Amino acid sequence: TLPAPVPGAHPASPLPAAPITVHYS
C-alpha cells in the first residue's frame, strides 16, 4: 500500500534556514 519509490529520484535539497529572532523572558 505504500507508494513505490521513483527510480533515480532524490529529495530536493532544503534551502538553508534563515536566522529568526525570539524574544525570551
PDB file of all heavy atoms in Angstrom:
ATOM      1  N   THR A   1       0.813  -1.215   0.000  1.00  0.00           N
ATOM      2  CA  THR A   1       0.000   0.000   0.000  1.00  0.00           C
ATOM      3  C   THR A   1       0.845   1.262   0.000  1.00  0.00           C
ATOM      4  O   THR A   1       0.339   2.335  -0.266  1.00  0.00           O
ATOM      5  CB  THR A   1      -0.937   0.034   1.229  1.00  0.00           C
ATOM      6  OG1 THR A   1      -0.140  -0.065   2.406  1.00  0.00           O
ATOM      7  CG2 THR A   1      -1.946  -1.096   1.174  1.00  0.00           C
ATOM      8  N   LEU A   2       2.130   1.127   0.318  1.00  0.00           N
ATOM      9  CA  LEU A   2       2.994   2.293   0.277  1.00  0.00           C
ATOM     10  C   LEU A   2       3.403   2.578  -1.161  1.00  0.00           C
ATOM     11  O   LEU A   2       3.621   1.647  -1.945  1.00  0.00           O
ATOM     12  CB  LEU A   2       4.252   2.067   1.119  1.00  0.00           C
ATOM     13  CG  LEU A   2       4.017   1.929   2.622  1.00  0.00           C
ATOM     14  CD1 LEU A   2       5.327   1.586   3.314  1.00  0.00           C
ATOM     15  CD2 LEU A   2       3.441   3.198   3.182  1.00  0.00           C
ATOM     16  N   PRO A   3       3.515   3.834  -1.558  1.00  0.00           N
ATOM     17  CA  PRO A   3       3.921   4.139  -2.920  1.00  0.00           C
ATOM     18  C   PRO A   3       5.339   3.671  -3.174  1.00  0.00           C
ATOM     19  O   PRO A   3       6.209   3.776  -2.321  1.00  0.00           O
ATOM     20  CB  PRO A   3       3.816   5.665  -2.993  1.00  0.00           C
ATOM     21  CG  PRO A   3       3.850   6.135  -1.586  1.00  0.00           C
ATOM     22  CD  PRO A   3       3.286   5.031  -0.747  1.00  0.00           C
ATOM     23  N   ALA A   4       5.557   3.129  -4.358  1.00  0.00           N
ATOM     24  CA  ALA A   4       6.892   2.660  -4.722  1.00  0.00           C
ATOM     25  C   ALA A   4       7.796   3.845  -4.979  1.00  0.00           C
ATOM     26  O   ALA A   4       7.368   4.859  -5.526  1.00  0.00           O
ATOM     27  CB  ALA A   4       6.801   1.795  -5.979  1.00  0.00           C
ATOM     28  N   PRO A   5       9.073   3.763  -4.578  1.00  0.00           N
ATOM     29  CA  PRO A   5       9.978   4.871  -4.841  1.00  0.00           C
ATOM     30  C   PRO A   5      10.233   5.036  -6.325  1.00  0.00           C
ATOM     31  O   PRO A   5      10.266   4.060  -7.075  1.00  0.00           O
ATOM     32  CB  PRO A   5      11.260   4.478  -4.094  1.00  0.00           C
ATOM     33  CG  PRO A   5      11.161   3.004  -3.871  1.00  0.00           C
ATOM     34  CD  PRO A   5       9.705   2.657  -3.858  1.00  0.00           C
ATOM     35  N   VAL A   6      10.384   6.278  -6.737  1.00  0.00           N
ATOM     36  CA  VAL A   6      10.667   6.565  -8.135  1.00  0.00           C
ATOM     37  C   VAL A   6      12.162   6.385  -8.372  1.00  0.00           C
ATOM     38  O   VAL A   6      12.970   6.991  -7.664  1.00  0.00           O
ATOM     39  CB  VAL A   6      10.242   8.013  -8.493  1.00  0.00           C
ATOM     40  CG1 VAL A   6      10.587   8.336  -9.931  1.00  0.00           C
ATOM     41  CG2 VAL A   6       8.769   8.211  -8.211  1.00  0.00           C
ATOM     42  N   PRO A   7      12.558   5.511  -9.334  1.00  0.00           N
ATOM     43  CA  PRO A   7      13.988   5.291  -9.561  1.00  0.00           C
ATOM     44  C   PRO A   7      14.695   6.599  -9.938  1.00  0.00           C
ATOM     45  O   PRO A   7      14.194   7.384 -10.734  1.00  0.00           O
ATOM     46  CB  PRO A   7      14.014   4.319 -10.737  1.00  0.00           C
ATOM     47  CG  PRO A   7      12.645   3.707 -10.791  1.00  0.00           C
ATOM     48  CD  PRO A   7      11.717   4.726 -10.211  1.00  0.00           C
ATOM     49  N   GLY A   8      15.852   6.803  -9.340  1.00  0.00           N
ATOM     50  CA  GLY A   8      16.660   7.986  -9.656  1.00  0.00           C
ATOM     51  C   GLY A   8      16.180   9.263  -9.008  1.00  0.00           C
ATOM     52  O   GLY A   8      16.791  10.311  -9.168  1.00  0.00           O
ATOM     53  N   ALA A   9      15.063   9.203  -8.278  1.00  0.00           N
ATOM     54  CA  ALA A   9      14.550  10.429  -7.648  1.00  0.00           C
ATOM     55  C   ALA A   9      15.316  10.697  -6.361  1.00  0.00           C
ATOM     56  O   ALA A   9      15.606   9.795  -5.596  1.00  0.00           O
ATOM     57  CB  ALA A   9      13.063  10.282  -7.339  1.00  0.00           C
ATOM     58  N   HIS A  10      15.651  11.940  -6.155  1.00  0.00           N
ATOM     59  CA  HIS A  10      16.337  12.350  -4.935  1.00  0.00           C
ATOM     60  C   HIS A  10      15.531  13.463  -4.302  1.00  0.00           C
ATOM     61  O   HIS A  10      15.008  14.322  -5.006  1.00  0.00           O
ATOM     62  CB  HIS A  10      17.748  12.862  -5.246  1.00  0.00           C
ATOM     63  CG  HIS A  10      18.624  11.824  -5.878  1.00  0.00           C
ATOM     64  ND1 HIS A  10      19.170  10.794  -5.172  1.00  0.00           N
ATOM     65  CD2 HIS A  10      19.010  11.657  -7.170  1.00  0.00           C
ATOM     66  CE1 HIS A  10      19.884  10.031  -5.996  1.00  0.00           C
ATOM     67  NE2 HIS A  10      19.795  10.530  -7.208  1.00  0.00           N
ATOM     68  N   PRO A  11      15.438  13.453  -2.982  1.00  0.00           N
ATOM     69  CA  PRO A  11      14.704  14.557  -2.350  1.00  0.00           C
ATOM     70  C   PRO A  11      15.392  15.888  -2.629  1.00  0.00           C
ATOM     71  O   PRO A  11      16.612  15.949  -2.728  1.00  0.00           O
ATOM     72  CB  PRO A  11      14.743  14.218  -0.851  1.00  0.00           C
ATOM     73  CG  PRO A  11      15.797  13.169  -0.691  1.00  0.00           C
ATOM     74  CD  PRO A  11      15.990  12.517  -2.034  1.00  0.00           C
ATOM     75  N   ALA A  12      14.581  16.895  -2.807  1.00  0.00           N
ATOM     76  CA  ALA A  12      15.131  18.225  -3.075  1.00  0.00           C
ATOM     77  C   ALA A  12      15.944  18.689  -1.878  1.00  0.00           C
ATOM     78  O   ALA A  12      15.589  18.435  -0.733  1.00  0.00           O
ATOM     79  CB  ALA A  12      14.001  19.211  -3.352  1.00  0.00           C
ATOM     80  N   SER A  13      17.041  19.352  -2.135  1.00  0.00           N
ATOM     81  CA  SER A  13      17.862  19.880  -1.052  1.00  0.00           C
ATOM     82  C   SER A  13      17.124  21.032  -0.396  1.00  0.00           C
ATOM     83  O   SER A  13      16.648  21.938  -1.073  1.00  0.00           O
ATOM     84  CB  SER A  13      19.193  20.398  -1.600  1.00  0.00           C
ATOM     85  OG  SER A  13      19.896  19.353  -2.203  1.00  0.00           O
ATOM     86  N   PRO A  14      17.010  20.983   0.932  1.00  0.00           N
ATOM     87  CA  PRO A  14      16.319  22.085   1.598  1.00  0.00           C
ATOM     88  C   PRO A  14      17.152  23.359   1.531  1.00  0.00           C
ATOM     89  O   PRO A  14      18.375  23.316   1.505  1.00  0.00           O
ATOM     90  CB  PRO A  14      16.187  21.595   3.042  1.00  0.00           C
ATOM     91  CG  PRO A  14      17.265  20.574   3.206  1.00  0.00           C
ATOM     92  CD  PRO A  14      17.501  19.970   1.846  1.00  0.00           C
ATOM     93  N   LEU A  15      16.448  24.474   1.480  1.00  0.00           N
ATOM     94  CA  LEU A  15      17.138  25.759   1.498  1.00  0.00           C
ATOM     95  C   LEU A  15      17.728  25.975   2.885  1.00  0.00           C
ATOM     96  O   LEU A  15      17.165  25.523   3.880  1.00  0.00           O
ATOM     97  CB  LEU A  15      16.149  26.886   1.167  1.00  0.00           C
ATOM     98  CG  LEU A  15      15.574  26.854  -0.247  1.00  0.00           C
ATOM     99  CD1 LEU A  15      14.470  27.884  -0.372  1.00  0.00           C
ATOM    100  CD2 LEU A  15      16.660  27.085  -1.275  1.00  0.00           C
ATOM    101  N   PRO A  16      18.865  26.647   2.972  1.00  0.00           N
ATOM    102  CA  PRO A  16      19.417  26.898   4.298  1.00  0.00           C
ATOM    103  C   PRO A  16      18.451  27.735   5.130  1.00  0.00           C
ATOM    104  O   PRO A  16      17.790  28.634   4.613  1.00  0.00           O
ATOM    105  CB  PRO A  16      20.716  27.662   4.013  1.00  0.00           C
ATOM    106  CG  PRO A  16      20.702  28.011   2.574  1.00  0.00           C
ATOM    107  CD  PRO A  16      19.649  27.200   1.894  1.00  0.00           C
ATOM    108  N   ALA A  17      18.373  27.393   6.413  1.00  0.00           N
ATOM    109  CA  ALA A  17      17.456  28.097   7.303  1.00  0.00           C
ATOM    110  C   ALA A  17      17.973  29.513   7.573  1.00  0.00           C
ATOM    111  O   ALA A  17      19.161  29.722   7.773  1.00  0.00           O
ATOM    112  CB  ALA A  17      17.314  27.342   8.614  1.00  0.00           C
ATOM    113  N   ALA A  18      17.045  30.453   7.566  1.00  0.00           N
ATOM    114  CA  ALA A  18      17.384  31.850   7.850  1.00  0.00           C
ATOM    115  C   ALA A  18      17.331  32.076   9.357  1.00  0.00           C
ATOM    116  O   ALA A  18      16.596  31.397  10.068  1.00  0.00           O
ATOM    117  CB  ALA A  18      16.392  32.771   7.148  1.00  0.00           C
ATOM    118  N   PRO A  19      18.096  33.033   9.852  1.00  0.00           N
ATOM    119  CA  PRO A  19      18.008  33.318  11.295  1.00  0.00           C
ATOM    120  C   PRO A  19      16.694  34.029  11.628  1.00  0.00           C
ATOM    121  O   PRO A  19      16.178  34.796  10.822  1.00  0.00           O
ATOM    122  CB  PRO A  19      19.208  34.217  11.560  1.00  0.00           C
ATOM    123  CG  PRO A  19      19.621  34.757  10.245  1.00  0.00           C
ATOM    124  CD  PRO A  19      19.129  33.811   9.191  1.00  0.00           C
ATOM    125  N   ILE A  20      16.181  33.718  12.797  1.00  0.00           N
ATOM    126  CA  ILE A  20      14.989  34.394  13.311  1.00  0.00           C
ATOM    127  C   ILE A  20      15.328  34.963  14.693  1.00  0.00           C
ATOM    128  O   ILE A  20      16.292  34.539  15.323  1.00  0.00           O
ATOM    129  CB  ILE A  20      13.768  33.456  13.409  1.00  0.00           C
ATOM    130  CG1 ILE A  20      14.044  32.311  14.403  1.00  0.00           C
ATOM    131  CG2 ILE A  20      13.380  32.912  12.040  1.00  0.00           C
ATOM    132  CD1 ILE A  20      12.810  31.507  14.774  1.00  0.00           C
ATOM    133  N   THR A  21      14.529  35.904  15.138  1.00  0.00           N
ATOM    134  CA  THR A  21      14.717  36.494  16.461  1.00  0.00           C
ATOM    135  C   THR A  21      13.544  36.092  17.349  1.00  0.00           C
ATOM    136  O   THR A  21      12.382  36.228  16.956  1.00  0.00           O
ATOM    137  CB  THR A  21      14.800  38.023  16.370  1.00  0.00           C
ATOM    138  OG1 THR A  21      15.911  38.376  15.534  1.00  0.00           O
ATOM    139  CG2 THR A  21      14.982  38.648  17.742  1.00  0.00           C
ATOM    140  N   VAL A  22      13.867  35.573  18.526  1.00  0.00           N
ATOM    141  CA  VAL A  22      12.849  35.202  19.508  1.00  0.00           C
ATOM    142  C   VAL A  22      13.108  36.026  20.766  1.00  0.00           C
ATOM    143  O   VAL A  22      14.242  36.121  21.236  1.00  0.00           O
ATOM    144  CB  VAL A  22      12.919  33.697  19.839  1.00  0.00           C
ATOM    145  CG1 VAL A  22      11.867  33.327  20.887  1.00  0.00           C
ATOM    146  CG2 VAL A  22      12.733  32.857  18.578  1.00  0.00           C
ATOM    147  N   HIS A  23      12.064  36.655  21.282  1.00  0.00           N
ATOM    148  CA  HIS A  23      12.150  37.457  22.500  1.00  0.00           C
ATOM    149  C   HIS A  23      11.793  36.541  23.671  1.00  0.00           C
ATOM    150  O   HIS A  23      10.688  36.005  23.727  1.00  0.00           O
ATOM    151  CB  HIS A  23      11.219  38.660  22.427  1.00  0.00           C
ATOM    152  CG  HIS A  23      11.391  39.443  21.162  1.00  0.00           C
ATOM    153  ND1 HIS A  23      12.504  40.229  20.927  1.00  0.00           N
ATOM    154  CD2 HIS A  23      10.620  39.541  20.051  1.00  0.00           C
ATOM    155  CE1 HIS A  23      12.399  40.780  19.731  1.00  0.00           C
ATOM    156  NE2 HIS A  23      11.264  40.378  19.184  1.00  0.00           N
ATOM    157  N   TYR A  24      12.731  36.354  24.566  1.00  0.00           N
ATOM    158  CA  TYR A  24      12.588  35.382  25.653  1.00  0.00           C
ATOM    159  C   TYR A  24      12.671  36.083  26.995  1.00  0.00           C
ATOM    160  O   TYR A  24      13.582  36.865  27.245  1.00  0.00           O
ATOM    161  CB  TYR A  24      13.691  34.335  25.506  1.00  0.00           C
ATOM    162  CG  TYR A  24      13.832  33.371  26.658  1.00  0.00           C
ATOM    163  CD1 TYR A  24      12.753  32.626  27.132  1.00  0.00           C
ATOM    164  CD2 TYR A  24      15.071  33.186  27.275  1.00  0.00           C
ATOM    165  CE1 TYR A  24      12.901  31.749  28.177  1.00  0.00           C
ATOM    166  CE2 TYR A  24      15.224  32.294  28.322  1.00  0.00           C
ATOM    167  CZ  TYR A  24      14.134  31.582  28.768  1.00  0.00           C
ATOM    168  OH  TYR A  24      14.286  30.704  29.803  1.00  0.00           O
ATOM    169  N   SER A  25      11.689  35.810  27.856  1.00  0.00           N
ATOM    170  CA  SER A  25      11.641  36.411  29.195  1.00  0.00           C
ATOM    171  C   SER A  25      11.528  35.318  30.247  1.00  0.00           C
ATOM    172  O   SER A  25      10.906  34.276  30.011  1.00  0.00           O
ATOM    173  CB  SER A  25      10.429  37.331  29.342  1.00  0.00           C
ATOM    174  OG  SER A  25      10.466  38.366  28.399  1.00  0.00           O
TER     175      SER A  25
END
